[in-house]
Protein backbone atom coordinates (compact mmCIF):
# COMPACT_ATOMS: atom_id res chain seq x y z
CA MET A 1 101.65 70.55 71.83
CA THR A 2 100.30 74.05 73.26
CA CYS A 3 100.23 72.63 76.89
CA VAL A 4 103.58 71.22 76.56
CA VAL A 5 105.13 74.85 75.10
CA SER A 6 103.56 76.48 77.75
CA THR A 7 104.60 74.27 80.56
CA LEU A 8 107.74 74.51 79.20
CA LEU A 9 108.20 77.98 78.93
CA TYR A 10 106.70 78.97 82.29
CA GLY A 11 108.72 81.64 84.08
CA SER A 12 110.85 81.86 81.40
CA GLU A 13 109.92 85.67 80.71
CA SER A 14 110.64 86.85 84.01
CA GLY A 15 114.37 85.12 84.15
CA THR A 16 117.30 85.04 82.00
CA LEU A 17 118.35 81.39 80.31
CA ALA A 18 121.86 81.07 78.94
CA SER A 19 122.51 79.88 76.01
CA PRO A 20 123.19 76.11 76.83
CA GLN A 21 119.82 75.87 78.08
CA GLU A 22 118.32 77.71 75.19
CA ARG A 23 119.45 74.98 73.17
CA ARG A 24 118.68 72.40 75.31
CA LEU A 25 114.80 73.88 75.29
CA ASN A 26 115.20 73.97 71.28
CA THR A 27 116.26 70.34 71.14
CA PHE A 28 113.54 69.35 73.06
CA HIS A 29 111.19 71.03 71.01
CA MET A 30 112.54 69.89 67.66
CA ARG A 31 112.46 66.27 68.78
CA ASN A 32 109.10 66.90 70.04
CA LEU A 33 107.64 68.24 66.51
CA ARG A 34 109.61 65.62 64.82
CA ARG A 35 108.05 62.81 66.65
CA ILE A 36 104.45 64.28 66.03
CA CYS A 37 105.04 64.90 62.34
CA ASP A 38 106.62 60.90 62.42
CA ILE A 39 110.04 62.44 60.82
CA THR A 40 113.20 60.43 61.79
CA TRP A 41 117.07 61.36 61.86
CA ARG A 42 117.05 58.98 58.51
CA ASP A 43 114.68 61.18 56.62
CA HIS A 44 117.49 63.98 56.76
CA VAL A 45 114.65 66.92 57.25
CA THR A 46 116.36 69.81 58.37
CA ASN A 47 114.95 71.56 61.43
CA ASN A 48 113.67 75.02 59.35
CA THR A 49 111.52 72.68 56.77
CA VAL A 50 109.86 70.74 60.06
CA LEU A 51 109.37 74.41 61.51
CA GLU A 52 107.63 75.81 58.14
CA GLU A 53 105.53 72.59 57.57
CA THR A 54 104.19 72.51 61.06
CA GLY A 55 103.86 76.56 60.82
CA ILE A 56 105.35 76.52 64.58
CA PRO A 57 107.34 78.95 65.69
CA SER A 58 111.55 78.24 66.76
CA MET A 59 111.86 77.86 70.36
CA PHE A 60 114.43 80.94 70.16
CA THR A 61 111.47 82.98 68.43
CA LEU A 62 109.03 81.67 71.25
CA LEU A 63 111.61 82.79 73.99
CA LYS A 64 112.27 86.31 72.75
CA GLN A 65 108.22 87.30 72.18
CA ARG A 66 107.76 86.12 76.02
CA HIS A 67 110.57 88.30 76.86
CA MET A 68 109.22 91.11 74.83
CA ARG A 69 105.75 90.75 76.27
CA MET A 70 107.19 91.09 80.01
CA LEU A 71 109.18 93.85 79.18
CA GLY A 72 106.07 95.37 77.56
CA HIS A 73 104.19 94.89 81.00
CA ALA A 74 107.16 96.42 83.02
CA THR A 75 107.39 99.72 81.01
CA LEU A 76 103.54 100.38 81.42
CA MET A 77 103.47 99.23 85.07
CA VAL A 78 103.31 102.50 87.56
CA ASP A 79 106.80 103.80 88.90
CA GLY A 80 107.35 101.72 92.52
CA ARG A 81 106.59 98.60 91.00
CA ILE A 82 109.01 95.83 92.19
CA PRO A 83 109.51 94.59 88.70
CA LYS A 84 109.90 97.81 87.38
CA ASP A 85 112.37 98.82 89.80
CA LEU A 86 114.35 95.45 89.08
CA MET A 87 114.29 96.09 85.44
CA TYR A 88 115.49 99.65 85.49
CA GLY A 89 117.49 99.80 88.93
CA GLU A 90 120.84 100.08 88.91
CA MET A 91 123.30 99.43 92.27
CA ALA A 92 123.77 102.62 93.95
CA THR A 93 126.50 101.98 96.34
CA GLY A 94 128.56 98.54 96.77
CA LYS A 95 130.99 96.53 95.08
CA ARG A 96 130.19 93.54 92.55
CA PRO A 97 131.77 90.36 93.44
CA THR A 98 135.12 89.04 91.30
CA GLY A 99 134.20 86.89 88.52
CA ARG A 100 132.18 86.73 86.06
CA PRO A 101 129.14 89.20 86.04
CA GLN A 102 125.53 87.20 86.81
CA VAL A 103 123.43 87.11 83.49
CA ARG A 104 120.75 89.78 83.82
CA PHE A 105 117.43 90.33 82.28
CA LYS A 106 117.99 93.59 80.55
CA ASP A 107 121.29 92.13 79.00
CA ALA A 108 119.09 89.60 76.81
């Protein structure tokens, strides 16, 4: 299961995920946990119960931990490094395009 989760979340710490993508990841995670524990939908077991029995955190918790870890790395970087500049940077000039703004890492 460790290989599957690490492969599934590869690169998620440096980017942003929309809520539909997070829900899909959580669904995949719960489906695999239920398959490993041999729990079918007819057993009427809630997701929280499955997570408590397995001792594995939810996908939302794993994503938040990875984001916080990346944020910690970026704050400790010296000034001038590209990841730190991108995280703390603001637009000096220019205009944003019309429509909904893109989701940024620091907004999540």
